[in-house]
Amino acid sequence: REIGGKARRLAEEQFSFRRMGADYEKLY
């Protein structure tokens, strides 16, 4: 559970699809 909690925080900080959209918008 402890490892899973840190995994989820990593996804929230670095791998949300909203962040992906913003990064691609800059490249467009």
mmCIF file of all heavy atoms, coordinates in Angstrom:
data_MODEL
# 
_entry.id   MODEL 
# 
loop_
_atom_site.group_PDB 
_atom_site.id 
_atom_site.type_symbol 
_atom_site.label_atom_id 
_atom_site.label_alt_id 
_atom_site.label_comp_id 
_atom_site.label_asym_id 
_atom_site.label_entity_id 
_atom_site.label_seq_id 
_atom_site.pdbx_PDB_ins_code 
_atom_site.Cartn_x 
_atom_site.Cartn_y 
_atom_site.Cartn_z 
_atom_site.occupancy 
_atom_site.B_iso_or_equiv 
_atom_site.pdbx_formal_charge 
_atom_site.auth_seq_id 
_atom_site.auth_comp_id 
_atom_site.auth_asym_id 
_atom_site.auth_atom_id 
_atom_site.pdbx_PDB_model_num 
ATOM 1   N N   . ARG A 1 1  ? 0.835   -1.209 0.000   1.00 0.00 ? 1  ARG A N   1 
ATOM 2   C CA  . ARG A 1 1  ? 0.000   0.000  0.000   1.00 0.00 ? 1  ARG A CA  1 
ATOM 3   C C   . ARG A 1 1  ? 0.869   1.258  0.000   1.00 0.00 ? 1  ARG A C   1 
ATOM 4   O O   . ARG A 1 1  ? 0.550   2.250  -0.661  1.00 0.00 ? 1  ARG A O   1 
ATOM 5   C CB  . ARG A 1 1  ? -0.948  -0.001 1.194   1.00 0.00 ? 1  ARG A CB  1 
ATOM 6   C CG  . ARG A 1 1  ? -2.183  -0.871 0.999   1.00 0.00 ? 1  ARG A CG  1 
ATOM 7   C CD  . ARG A 1 1  ? -3.221  -0.619 2.069   1.00 0.00 ? 1  ARG A CD  1 
ATOM 8   N NE  . ARG A 1 1  ? -2.778  -1.108 3.365   1.00 0.00 ? 1  ARG A NE  1 
ATOM 9   C CZ  . ARG A 1 1  ? -3.018  -2.329 3.820   1.00 0.00 ? 1  ARG A CZ  1 
ATOM 10  N NH1 . ARG A 1 1  ? -3.677  -3.201 3.065   1.00 0.00 ? 1  ARG A NH1 1 
ATOM 11  N NH2 . ARG A 1 1  ? -2.610  -2.697 5.024   1.00 0.00 ? 1  ARG A NH2 1 
ATOM 12  N N   . GLU A 1 2  ? 1.975   1.208  0.738   1.00 0.00 ? 2  GLU A N   1 
ATOM 13  C CA  . GLU A 1 2  ? 2.877   2.368  0.794   1.00 0.00 ? 2  GLU A CA  1 
ATOM 14  C C   . GLU A 1 2  ? 3.513   2.620  -0.577  1.00 0.00 ? 2  GLU A C   1 
ATOM 15  O O   . GLU A 1 2  ? 3.566   3.762  -1.045  1.00 0.00 ? 2  GLU A O   1 
ATOM 16  C CB  . GLU A 1 2  ? 3.964   2.122  1.840   1.00 0.00 ? 2  GLU A CB  1 
ATOM 17  C CG  . GLU A 1 2  ? 4.923   3.296  2.008   1.00 0.00 ? 2  GLU A CG  1 
ATOM 18  C CD  . GLU A 1 2  ? 5.977   3.025  3.073   1.00 0.00 ? 2  GLU A CD  1 
ATOM 19  O OE1 . GLU A 1 2  ? 5.798   2.079  3.867   1.00 0.00 ? 2  GLU A OE1 1 
ATOM 20  O OE2 . GLU A 1 2  ? 6.983   3.754  3.101   1.00 0.00 ? 2  GLU A OE2 1 
ATOM 21  N N   . ILE A 1 3  ? 3.978   1.556  -1.216  1.00 0.00 ? 3  ILE A N   1 
ATOM 22  C CA  . ILE A 1 3  ? 4.566   1.702  -2.553  1.00 0.00 ? 3  ILE A CA  1 
ATOM 23  C C   . ILE A 1 3  ? 3.512   2.200  -3.542  1.00 0.00 ? 3  ILE A C   1 
ATOM 24  O O   . ILE A 1 3  ? 3.771   3.085  -4.366  1.00 0.00 ? 3  ILE A O   1 
ATOM 25  C CB  . ILE A 1 3  ? 5.157   0.357  -3.026  1.00 0.00 ? 3  ILE A CB  1 
ATOM 26  C CG1 . ILE A 1 3  ? 6.329   -0.051 -2.142  1.00 0.00 ? 3  ILE A CG1 1 
ATOM 27  C CG2 . ILE A 1 3  ? 5.618   0.455  -4.484  1.00 0.00 ? 3  ILE A CG2 1 
ATOM 28  C CD1 . ILE A 1 3  ? 6.873   -1.433 -2.431  1.00 0.00 ? 3  ILE A CD1 1 
ATOM 29  N N   . GLY A 1 4  ? 2.298   1.657  -3.454  1.00 0.00 ? 4  GLY A N   1 
ATOM 30  C CA  . GLY A 1 4  ? 1.222   2.077  -4.339  1.00 0.00 ? 4  GLY A CA  1 
ATOM 31  C C   . GLY A 1 4  ? 0.851   3.540  -4.164  1.00 0.00 ? 4  GLY A C   1 
ATOM 32  O O   . GLY A 1 4  ? 0.554   4.238  -5.136  1.00 0.00 ? 4  GLY A O   1 
ATOM 33  N N   . GLY A 1 5  ? 0.870   4.023  -2.922  1.00 0.00 ? 5  GLY A N   1 
ATOM 34  C CA  . GLY A 1 5  ? 0.569   5.432  -2.681  1.00 0.00 ? 5  GLY A CA  1 
ATOM 35  C C   . GLY A 1 5  ? 1.582   6.348  -3.334  1.00 0.00 ? 5  GLY A C   1 
ATOM 36  O O   . GLY A 1 5  ? 1.228   7.385  -3.916  1.00 0.00 ? 5  GLY A O   1 
ATOM 37  N N   . LYS A 1 6  ? 2.843   5.983  -3.258  1.00 0.00 ? 6  LYS A N   1 
ATOM 38  C CA  . LYS A 1 6  ? 3.884   6.800  -3.897  1.00 0.00 ? 6  LYS A CA  1 
ATOM 39  C C   . LYS A 1 6  ? 3.788   6.708  -5.420  1.00 0.00 ? 6  LYS A C   1 
ATOM 40  O O   . LYS A 1 6  ? 4.068   7.680  -6.122  1.00 0.00 ? 6  LYS A O   1 
ATOM 41  C CB  . LYS A 1 6  ? 5.254   6.342  -3.412  1.00 0.00 ? 6  LYS A CB  1 
ATOM 42  C CG  . LYS A 1 6  ? 5.496   6.667  -1.935  1.00 0.00 ? 6  LYS A CG  1 
ATOM 43  C CD  . LYS A 1 6  ? 6.846   6.180  -1.459  1.00 0.00 ? 6  LYS A CD  1 
ATOM 44  C CE  . LYS A 1 6  ? 7.046   6.544  0.015   1.00 0.00 ? 6  LYS A CE  1 
ATOM 45  N NZ  . LYS A 1 6  ? 8.341   6.039  0.550   1.00 0.00 ? 6  LYS A NZ  1 
ATOM 46  N N   . ALA A 1 7  ? 3.390   5.542  -5.911  1.00 0.00 ? 7  ALA A N   1 
ATOM 47  C CA  . ALA A 1 7  ? 3.193   5.395  -7.353  1.00 0.00 ? 7  ALA A CA  1 
ATOM 48  C C   . ALA A 1 7  ? 2.087   6.324  -7.848  1.00 0.00 ? 7  ALA A C   1 
ATOM 49  O O   . ALA A 1 7  ? 2.221   6.975  -8.893  1.00 0.00 ? 7  ALA A O   1 
ATOM 50  C CB  . ALA A 1 7  ? 2.853   3.945  -7.680  1.00 0.00 ? 7  ALA A CB  1 
ATOM 51  N N   . ARG A 1 8  ? 0.995   6.412  -7.097  1.00 0.00 ? 8  ARG A N   1 
ATOM 52  C CA  . ARG A 1 8  ? -0.112  7.282  -7.496  1.00 0.00 ? 8  ARG A CA  1 
ATOM 53  C C   . ARG A 1 8  ? 0.301   8.753  -7.485  1.00 0.00 ? 8  ARG A C   1 
ATOM 54  O O   . ARG A 1 8  ? -0.048  9.520  -8.391  1.00 0.00 ? 8  ARG A O   1 
ATOM 55  C CB  . ARG A 1 8  ? -1.311  7.046  -6.584  1.00 0.00 ? 8  ARG A CB  1 
ATOM 56  C CG  . ARG A 1 8  ? -2.517  7.915  -6.935  1.00 0.00 ? 8  ARG A CG  1 
ATOM 57  C CD  . ARG A 1 8  ? -3.714  7.539  -6.085  1.00 0.00 ? 8  ARG A CD  1 
ATOM 58  N NE  . ARG A 1 8  ? -4.756  8.526  -6.162  1.00 0.00 ? 8  ARG A NE  1 
ATOM 59  C CZ  . ARG A 1 8  ? -5.665  8.610  -7.135  1.00 0.00 ? 8  ARG A CZ  1 
ATOM 60  N NH1 . ARG A 1 8  ? -5.621  7.754  -8.134  1.00 0.00 ? 8  ARG A NH1 1 
ATOM 61  N NH2 . ARG A 1 8  ? -6.590  9.525  -7.112  1.00 0.00 ? 8  ARG A NH2 1 
ATOM 62  N N   . ARG A 1 9  ? 1.061   9.155  -6.471  1.00 0.00 ? 9  ARG A N   1 
ATOM 63  C CA  . ARG A 1 9  ? 1.521   10.551 -6.419  1.00 0.00 ? 9  ARG A CA  1 
ATOM 64  C C   . ARG A 1 9  ? 2.420   10.868 -7.612  1.00 0.00 ? 9  ARG A C   1 
ATOM 65  O O   . ARG A 1 9  ? 2.380   11.981 -8.156  1.00 0.00 ? 9  ARG A O   1 
ATOM 66  C CB  . ARG A 1 9  ? 2.243   10.814 -5.100  1.00 0.00 ? 9  ARG A CB  1 
ATOM 67  C CG  . ARG A 1 9  ? 1.293   10.923 -3.906  1.00 0.00 ? 9  ARG A CG  1 
ATOM 68  C CD  . ARG A 1 9  ? 1.967   11.489 -2.687  1.00 0.00 ? 9  ARG A CD  1 
ATOM 69  N NE  . ARG A 1 9  ? 2.931   10.556 -2.111  1.00 0.00 ? 9  ARG A NE  1 
ATOM 70  C CZ  . ARG A 1 9  ? 2.598   9.585  -1.271  1.00 0.00 ? 9  ARG A CZ  1 
ATOM 71  N NH1 . ARG A 1 9  ? 1.337   9.406  -0.915  1.00 0.00 ? 9  ARG A NH1 1 
ATOM 72  N NH2 . ARG A 1 9  ? 3.531   8.792  -0.767  1.00 0.00 ? 9  ARG A NH2 1 
ATOM 73  N N   . LEU A 1 10 ? 3.231   9.908  -8.015  1.00 0.00 ? 10 LEU A N   1 
ATOM 74  C CA  . LEU A 1 10 ? 4.073   10.101 -9.195  1.00 0.00 ? 10 LEU A CA  1 
ATOM 75  C C   . LEU A 1 10 ? 3.218   10.333 -10.437 1.00 0.00 ? 10 LEU A C   1 
ATOM 76  O O   . LEU A 1 10 ? 3.503   11.236 -11.245 1.00 0.00 ? 10 LEU A O   1 
ATOM 77  C CB  . LEU A 1 10 ? 4.967   8.876  -9.392  1.00 0.00 ? 10 LEU A CB  1 
ATOM 78  C CG  . LEU A 1 10 ? 5.816   8.843  -10.664 1.00 0.00 ? 10 LEU A CG  1 
ATOM 79  C CD1 . LEU A 1 10 ? 6.887   9.933  -10.619 1.00 0.00 ? 10 LEU A CD1 1 
ATOM 80  C CD2 . LEU A 1 10 ? 6.464   7.473  -10.847 1.00 0.00 ? 10 LEU A CD2 1 
ATOM 81  N N   . ALA A 1 11 ? 2.157   9.530  -10.608 1.00 0.00 ? 11 ALA A N   1 
ATOM 82  C CA  . ALA A 1 11 ? 1.271   9.693  -11.761 1.00 0.00 ? 11 ALA A CA  1 
ATOM 83  C C   . ALA A 1 11 ? 0.598   11.063 -11.736 1.00 0.00 ? 11 ALA A C   1 
ATOM 84  O O   . ALA A 1 11 ? 0.484   11.734 -12.778 1.00 0.00 ? 11 ALA A O   1 
ATOM 85  C CB  . ALA A 1 11 ? 0.224   8.582  -11.780 1.00 0.00 ? 11 ALA A CB  1 
ATOM 86  N N   . GLU A 1 12 ? 0.146   11.492 -10.568 1.00 0.00 ? 12 GLU A N   1 
ATOM 87  C CA  . GLU A 1 12 ? -0.515  12.792 -10.450 1.00 0.00 ? 12 GLU A CA  1 
ATOM 88  C C   . GLU A 1 12 ? 0.419   13.931 -10.834 1.00 0.00 ? 12 GLU A C   1 
ATOM 89  O O   . GLU A 1 12 ? 0.009   14.903 -11.480 1.00 0.00 ? 12 GLU A O   1 
ATOM 90  C CB  . GLU A 1 12 ? -1.013  12.991 -9.013  1.00 0.00 ? 12 GLU A CB  1 
ATOM 91  C CG  . GLU A 1 12 ? -2.165  12.079 -8.629  1.00 0.00 ? 12 GLU A CG  1 
ATOM 92  C CD  . GLU A 1 12 ? -2.499  12.155 -7.147  1.00 0.00 ? 12 GLU A CD  1 
ATOM 93  O OE1 . GLU A 1 12 ? -1.613  12.583 -6.358  1.00 0.00 ? 12 GLU A OE1 1 
ATOM 94  O OE2 . GLU A 1 12 ? -3.622  11.795 -6.771  1.00 0.00 ? 12 GLU A OE2 1 
ATOM 95  N N   . GLU A 1 13 ? 1.683   13.817 -10.449 1.00 0.00 ? 13 GLU A N   1 
ATOM 96  C CA  . GLU A 1 13 ? 2.637   14.905 -10.675 1.00 0.00 ? 13 GLU A CA  1 
ATOM 97  C C   . GLU A 1 13 ? 3.197   14.927 -12.096 1.00 0.00 ? 13 GLU A C   1 
ATOM 98  O O   . GLU A 1 13 ? 3.439   16.006 -12.648 1.00 0.00 ? 13 GLU A O   1 
ATOM 99  C CB  . GLU A 1 13 ? 3.796   14.782 -9.678  1.00 0.00 ? 13 GLU A CB  1 
ATOM 100 C CG  . GLU A 1 13 ? 3.386   15.020 -8.229  1.00 0.00 ? 13 GLU A CG  1 
ATOM 101 C CD  . GLU A 1 13 ? 4.472   14.615 -7.245  1.00 0.00 ? 13 GLU A CD  1 
ATOM 102 O OE1 . GLU A 1 13 ? 5.564   14.190 -7.701  1.00 0.00 ? 13 GLU A OE1 1 
ATOM 103 O OE2 . GLU A 1 13 ? 4.236   14.718 -6.024  1.00 0.00 ? 13 GLU A OE2 1 
ATOM 104 N N   . GLN A 1 14 ? 3.395   13.749 -12.695 1.00 0.00 ? 14 GLN A N   1 
ATOM 105 C CA  . GLN A 1 14 ? 4.138   13.714 -13.959 1.00 0.00 ? 14 GLN A CA  1 
ATOM 106 C C   . GLN A 1 14 ? 3.372   13.151 -15.148 1.00 0.00 ? 14 GLN A C   1 
ATOM 107 O O   . GLN A 1 14 ? 3.746   13.428 -16.287 1.00 0.00 ? 14 GLN A O   1 
ATOM 108 C CB  . GLN A 1 14 ? 5.425   12.890 -13.779 1.00 0.00 ? 14 GLN A CB  1 
ATOM 109 C CG  . GLN A 1 14 ? 6.407   13.475 -12.785 1.00 0.00 ? 14 GLN A CG  1 
ATOM 110 C CD  . GLN A 1 14 ? 7.730   12.744 -12.799 1.00 0.00 ? 14 GLN A CD  1 
ATOM 111 O OE1 . GLN A 1 14 ? 8.157   12.198 -13.822 1.00 0.00 ? 14 GLN A OE1 1 
ATOM 112 N NE2 . GLN A 1 14 ? 8.414   12.724 -11.677 1.00 0.00 ? 14 GLN A NE2 1 
ATOM 113 N N   . PHE A 1 15 ? 2.314   12.363 -14.920 1.00 0.00 ? 15 PHE A N   1 
ATOM 114 C CA  . PHE A 1 15 ? 1.746   11.609 -16.027 1.00 0.00 ? 15 PHE A CA  1 
ATOM 115 C C   . PHE A 1 15 ? 0.236   11.774 -16.187 1.00 0.00 ? 15 PHE A C   1 
ATOM 116 O O   . PHE A 1 15 ? -0.440  10.843 -16.627 1.00 0.00 ? 15 PHE A O   1 
ATOM 117 C CB  . PHE A 1 15 ? 2.103   10.126 -15.873 1.00 0.00 ? 15 PHE A CB  1 
ATOM 118 C CG  . PHE A 1 15 ? 3.578   9.873  -15.828 1.00 0.00 ? 15 PHE A CG  1 
ATOM 119 C CD1 . PHE A 1 15 ? 4.175   9.383  -14.674 1.00 0.00 ? 15 PHE A CD1 1 
ATOM 120 C CD2 . PHE A 1 15 ? 4.378   10.177 -16.920 1.00 0.00 ? 15 PHE A CD2 1 
ATOM 121 C CE1 . PHE A 1 15 ? 5.539   9.169  -14.623 1.00 0.00 ? 15 PHE A CE1 1 
ATOM 122 C CE2 . PHE A 1 15 ? 5.745   9.974  -16.875 1.00 0.00 ? 15 PHE A CE2 1 
ATOM 123 C CZ  . PHE A 1 15 ? 6.330   9.465  -15.724 1.00 0.00 ? 15 PHE A CZ  1 
ATOM 124 N N   . SER A 1 16 ? -0.298  12.934 -15.868 1.00 0.00 ? 16 SER A N   1 
ATOM 125 C CA  . SER A 1 16 ? -1.716  13.171 -16.130 1.00 0.00 ? 16 SER A CA  1 
ATOM 126 C C   . SER A 1 16 ? -1.896  13.528 -17.605 1.00 0.00 ? 16 SER A C   1 
ATOM 127 O O   . SER A 1 16 ? -1.012  14.117 -18.234 1.00 0.00 ? 16 SER A O   1 
ATOM 128 C CB  . SER A 1 16 ? -2.242  14.315 -15.256 1.00 0.00 ? 16 SER A CB  1 
ATOM 129 O OG  . SER A 1 16 ? -1.739  15.556 -15.705 1.00 0.00 ? 16 SER A OG  1 
ATOM 130 N N   . PHE A 1 17 ? -3.055  13.163 -18.172 1.00 0.00 ? 17 PHE A N   1 
ATOM 131 C CA  . PHE A 1 17 ? -3.258  13.461 -19.585 1.00 0.00 ? 17 PHE A CA  1 
ATOM 132 C C   . PHE A 1 17 ? -3.412  14.962 -19.800 1.00 0.00 ? 17 PHE A C   1 
ATOM 133 O O   . PHE A 1 17 ? -3.138  15.474 -20.890 1.00 0.00 ? 17 PHE A O   1 
ATOM 134 C CB  . PHE A 1 17 ? -4.450  12.674 -20.138 1.00 0.00 ? 17 PHE A CB  1 
ATOM 135 C CG  . PHE A 1 17 ? -5.799  13.218 -19.797 1.00 0.00 ? 17 PHE A CG  1 
ATOM 136 C CD1 . PHE A 1 17 ? -6.439  14.097 -20.627 1.00 0.00 ? 17 PHE A CD1 1 
ATOM 137 C CD2 . PHE A 1 17 ? -6.438  12.817 -18.628 1.00 0.00 ? 17 PHE A CD2 1 
ATOM 138 C CE1 . PHE A 1 17 ? -7.699  14.591 -20.315 1.00 0.00 ? 17 PHE A CE1 1 
ATOM 139 C CE2 . PHE A 1 17 ? -7.689  13.301 -18.317 1.00 0.00 ? 17 PHE A CE2 1 
ATOM 140 C CZ  . PHE A 1 17 ? -8.328  14.198 -19.161 1.00 0.00 ? 17 PHE A CZ  1 
ATOM 141 N N   . ARG A 1 18 ? -3.808  15.714 -18.785 1.00 0.00 ? 18 ARG A N   1 
ATOM 142 C CA  . ARG A 1 18 ? -3.897  17.169 -18.921 1.00 0.00 ? 18 ARG A CA  1 
ATOM 143 C C   . ARG A 1 18 ? -2.519  17.787 -19.122 1.00 0.00 ? 18 ARG A C   1 
ATOM 144 O O   . ARG A 1 18 ? -2.333  18.709 -19.920 1.00 0.00 ? 18 ARG A O   1 
ATOM 145 C CB  . ARG A 1 18 ? -4.587  17.768 -17.695 1.00 0.00 ? 18 ARG A CB  1 
ATOM 146 C CG  . ARG A 1 18 ? -6.067  17.443 -17.611 1.00 0.00 ? 18 ARG A CG  1 
ATOM 147 C CD  . ARG A 1 18 ? -6.744  18.136 -16.458 1.00 0.00 ? 18 ARG A CD  1 
ATOM 148 N NE  . ARG A 1 18 ? -8.173  17.864 -16.453 1.00 0.00 ? 18 ARG A NE  1 
ATOM 149 C CZ  . ARG A 1 18 ? -8.724  16.808 -15.867 1.00 0.00 ? 18 ARG A CZ  1 
ATOM 150 N NH1 . ARG A 1 18 ? -7.955  15.930 -15.230 1.00 0.00 ? 18 ARG A NH1 1 
ATOM 151 N NH2 . ARG A 1 18 ? -10.024 16.610 -15.916 1.00 0.00 ? 18 ARG A NH2 1 
ATOM 152 N N   . ARG A 1 19 ? -1.539  17.253 -18.391 1.00 0.00 ? 19 ARG A N   1 
ATOM 153 C CA  . ARG A 1 19 ? -0.185  17.748 -18.576 1.00 0.00 ? 19 ARG A CA  1 
ATOM 154 C C   . ARG A 1 19 ? 0.325   17.387 -19.974 1.00 0.00 ? 19 ARG A C   1 
ATOM 155 O O   . ARG A 1 19 ? 0.995   18.188 -20.625 1.00 0.00 ? 19 ARG A O   1 
ATOM 156 C CB  . ARG A 1 19 ? 0.743   17.157 -17.512 1.00 0.00 ? 19 ARG A CB  1 
ATOM 157 C CG  . ARG A 1 19 ? 2.189   17.590 -17.671 1.00 0.00 ? 19 ARG A CG  1 
ATOM 158 C CD  . ARG A 1 19 ? 3.039   17.212 -16.485 1.00 0.00 ? 19 ARG A CD  1 
ATOM 159 N NE  . ARG A 1 19 ? 4.414   17.649 -16.680 1.00 0.00 ? 19 ARG A NE  1 
ATOM 160 C CZ  . ARG A 1 19 ? 5.343   17.623 -15.740 1.00 0.00 ? 19 ARG A CZ  1 
ATOM 161 N NH1 . ARG A 1 19 ? 5.048   17.179 -14.542 1.00 0.00 ? 19 ARG A NH1 1 
ATOM 162 N NH2 . ARG A 1 19 ? 6.569   18.030 -15.991 1.00 0.00 ? 19 ARG A NH2 1 
ATOM 163 N N   . MET A 1 20 ? 0.001   16.187 -20.443 1.00 0.00 ? 20 MET A N   1 
ATOM 164 C CA  . MET A 1 20 ? 0.397   15.788 -21.789 1.00 0.00 ? 20 MET A CA  1 
ATOM 165 C C   . MET A 1 20 ? -0.180  16.747 -22.823 1.00 0.00 ? 20 MET A C   1 
ATOM 166 O O   . MET A 1 20 ? 0.505   17.173 -23.760 1.00 0.00 ? 20 MET A O   1 
ATOM 167 C CB  . MET A 1 20 ? -0.065  14.359 -22.069 1.00 0.00 ? 20 MET A CB  1 
ATOM 168 C CG  . MET A 1 20 ? 0.244   13.876 -23.475 1.00 0.00 ? 20 MET A CG  1 
ATOM 169 S SD  . MET A 1 20 ? -0.171  12.130 -23.788 1.00 0.00 ? 20 MET A SD  1 
ATOM 170 C CE  . MET A 1 20 ? -1.957  12.167 -23.620 1.00 0.00 ? 20 MET A CE  1 
ATOM 171 N N   . GLY A 1 21 ? -1.457  17.121 -22.662 1.00 0.00 ? 21 GLY A N   1 
ATOM 172 C CA  . GLY A 1 21 ? -2.080  18.045 -23.600 1.00 0.00 ? 21 GLY A CA  1 
ATOM 173 C C   . GLY A 1 21 ? -1.407  19.397 -23.618 1.00 0.00 ? 21 GLY A C   1 
ATOM 174 O O   . GLY A 1 21 ? -1.184  19.985 -24.687 1.00 0.00 ? 21 GLY A O   1 
ATOM 175 N N   . ALA A 1 22 ? -1.050  19.918 -22.451 1.00 0.00 ? 22 ALA A N   1 
ATOM 176 C CA  . ALA A 1 22 ? -0.377  21.214 -22.377 1.00 0.00 ? 22 ALA A CA  1 
ATOM 177 C C   . ALA A 1 22 ? 0.994   21.162 -23.027 1.00 0.00 ? 22 ALA A C   1 
ATOM 178 O O   . ALA A 1 22 ? 1.409   22.098 -23.728 1.00 0.00 ? 22 ALA A O   1 
ATOM 179 C CB  . ALA A 1 22 ? -0.257  21.650 -20.917 1.00 0.00 ? 22 ALA A CB  1 
ATOM 180 N N   . ASP A 1 23 ? 1.721   20.070 -22.809 1.00 0.00 ? 23 ASP A N   1 
ATOM 181 C CA  . ASP A 1 23 ? 3.055   19.939 -23.398 1.00 0.00 ? 23 ASP A CA  1 
ATOM 182 C C   . ASP A 1 23 ? 2.972   19.873 -24.924 1.00 0.00 ? 23 ASP A C   1 
ATOM 183 O O   . ASP A 1 23 ? 3.788   20.472 -25.631 1.00 0.00 ? 23 ASP A O   1 
ATOM 184 C CB  . ASP A 1 23 ? 3.748   18.687 -22.860 1.00 0.00 ? 23 ASP A CB  1 
ATOM 185 C CG  . ASP A 1 23 ? 4.167   18.828 -21.401 1.00 0.00 ? 23 ASP A CG  1 
ATOM 186 O OD1 . ASP A 1 23 ? 4.180   19.968 -20.899 1.00 0.00 ? 23 ASP A OD1 1 
ATOM 187 O OD2 . ASP A 1 23 ? 4.472   17.796 -20.769 1.00 0.00 ? 23 ASP A OD2 1 
ATOM 188 N N   . TYR A 1 24 ? 1.993   19.136 -25.445 1.00 0.00 ? 24 TYR A N   1 
ATOM 189 C CA  . TYR A 1 24 ? 1.843   19.058 -26.898 1.00 0.00 ? 24 TYR A CA  1 
ATOM 190 C C   . TYR A 1 24 ? 1.411   20.398 -27.484 1.00 0.00 ? 24 TYR A C   1 
ATOM 191 O O   . TYR A 1 24 ? 1.835   20.763 -28.593 1.00 0.00 ? 24 TYR A O   1 
ATOM 192 C CB  . TYR A 1 24 ? 0.838   17.975 -27.282 1.00 0.00 ? 24 TYR A CB  1 
ATOM 193 C CG  . TYR A 1 24 ? 1.485   16.635 -27.553 1.00 0.00 ? 24 TYR A CG  1 
ATOM 194 C CD1 . TYR A 1 24 ? 1.188   15.529 -26.776 1.00 0.00 ? 24 TYR A CD1 1 
ATOM 195 C CD2 . TYR A 1 24 ? 2.401   16.480 -28.589 1.00 0.00 ? 24 TYR A CD2 1 
ATOM 196 C CE1 . TYR A 1 24 ? 1.789   14.295 -27.018 1.00 0.00 ? 24 TYR A CE1 1 
ATOM 197 C CE2 . TYR A 1 24 ? 2.996   15.259 -28.834 1.00 0.00 ? 24 TYR A CE2 1 
ATOM 198 C CZ  . TYR A 1 24 ? 2.698   14.169 -28.044 1.00 0.00 ? 24 TYR A CZ  1 
ATOM 199 O OH  . TYR A 1 24 ? 3.291   12.964 -28.294 1.00 0.00 ? 24 TYR A OH  1 
ATOM 200 N N   . GLU A 1 25 ? 0.587   21.118 -26.770 1.00 0.00 ? 25 GLU A N   1 
ATOM 201 C CA  . GLU A 1 25 ? 0.157   22.424 -27.267 1.00 0.00 ? 25 GLU A CA  1 
ATOM 202 C C   . GLU A 1 25 ? 1.354   23.333 -27.522 1.00 0.00 ? 25 GLU A C   1 
ATOM 203 O O   . GLU A 1 25 ? 1.426   24.040 -28.546 1.00 0.00 ? 25 GLU A O   1 
ATOM 204 C CB  . GLU A 1 25 ? -0.785  23.072 -26.240 1.00 0.00 ? 25 GLU A CB  1 
ATOM 205 C CG  . GLU A 1 25 ? -1.413  24.362 -26.708 1.00 0.00 ? 25 GLU A CG  1 
ATOM 206 C CD  . GLU A 1 25 ? -2.338  24.927 -25.645 1.00 0.00 ? 25 GLU A CD  1 
ATOM 207 O OE1 . GLU A 1 25 ? -1.828  25.630 -24.747 1.00 0.00 ? 25 GLU A OE1 1 
ATOM 208 O OE2 . GLU A 1 25 ? -3.550  24.642 -25.696 1.00 0.00 ? 25 GLU A OE2 1 
ATOM 209 N N   . LYS A 1 26 ? 2.333   23.296 -26.642 1.00 0.00 ? 26 LYS A N   1 
ATOM 210 C CA  . LYS A 1 26 ? 3.552   24.096 -26.835 1.00 0.00 ? 26 LYS A CA  1 
ATOM 211 C C   . LYS A 1 26 ? 4.305   23.655 -28.088 1.00 0.00 ? 26 LYS A C   1 
ATOM 212 O O   . LYS A 1 26 ? 4.838   24.482 -28.830 1.00 0.00 ? 26 LYS A O   1 
ATOM 213 C CB  . LYS A 1 26 ? 4.455   23.968 -25.607 1.00 0.00 ? 26 LYS A CB  1 
ATOM 214 C CG  . LYS A 1 26 ? 3.870   24.565 -24.340 1.00 0.00 ? 26 LYS A CG  1 
ATOM 215 C CD  . LYS A 1 26 ? 4.766   24.268 -23.143 1.00 0.00 ? 26 LYS A CD  1 
ATOM 216 C CE  . LYS A 1 26 ? 4.128   24.755 -21.854 1.00 0.00 ? 26 LYS A CE  1 
ATOM 217 N NZ  . LYS A 1 26 ? 4.956   24.395 -20.659 1.00 0.00 ? 26 LYS A NZ  1 
ATOM 218 N N   . LEU A 1 27 ? 4.347   22.341 -28.318 1.00 0.00 ? 27 LEU A N   1 
ATOM 219 C CA  . LEU A 1 27 ? 5.059   21.837 -29.494 1.00 0.00 ? 27 LEU A CA  1 
ATOM 220 C C   . LEU A 1 27 ? 4.314   22.168 -30.788 1.00 0.00 ? 27 LEU A C   1 
ATOM 221 O O   . LEU A 1 27 ? 4.944   22.422 -31.817 1.00 0.00 ? 27 LEU A O   1 
ATOM 222 C CB  . LEU A 1 27 ? 5.263   20.327 -29.377 1.00 0.00 ? 27 LEU A CB  1 
ATOM 223 C CG  . LEU A 1 27 ? 6.198   19.880 -28.249 1.00 0.00 ? 27 LEU A CG  1 
ATOM 224 C CD1 . LEU A 1 27 ? 6.270   18.360 -28.180 1.00 0.00 ? 27 LEU A CD1 1 
ATOM 225 C CD2 . LEU A 1 27 ? 7.589   20.478 -28.446 1.00 0.00 ? 27 LEU A CD2 1 
ATOM 226 N N   . TYR A 1 28 ? 2.993   22.183 -30.750 1.00 0.00 ? 28 TYR A N   1 
ATOM 227 C CA  . TYR A 1 28 ? 2.219   22.571 -31.924 1.00 0.00 ? 28 TYR A CA  1 
ATOM 228 C C   . TYR A 1 28 ? 2.539   24.028 -32.304 1.00 0.00 ? 28 TYR A C   1 
ATOM 229 O O   . TYR A 1 28 ? 2.704   24.353 -33.487 1.00 0.00 ? 28 TYR A O   1 
ATOM 230 C CB  . TYR A 1 28 ? 0.727   22.425 -31.682 1.00 0.00 ? 28 TYR A CB  1 
ATOM 231 C CG  . TYR A 1 28 ? 0.257   21.001 -31.437 1.00 0.00 ? 28 TYR A CG  1 
ATOM 232 C CD1 . TYR A 1 28 ? -0.835  20.730 -30.627 1.00 0.00 ? 28 TYR A CD1 1 
ATOM 233 C CD2 . TYR A 1 28 ? 0.908   19.908 -32.021 1.00 0.00 ? 28 TYR A CD2 1 
ATOM 234 C CE1 . TYR A 1 28 ? -1.268  19.435 -30.411 1.00 0.00 ? 28 TYR A CE1 1 
ATOM 235 C CE2 . TYR A 1 28 ? 0.484   18.612 -31.806 1.00 0.00 ? 28 TYR A CE2 1 
ATOM 236 C CZ  . TYR A 1 28 ? -0.601  18.375 -30.982 1.00 0.00 ? 28 TYR A CZ  1 
ATOM 237 O OH  . TYR A 1 28 ? -1.033  17.097 -30.768 1.00 0.00 ? 28 TYR A OH  1 
# 
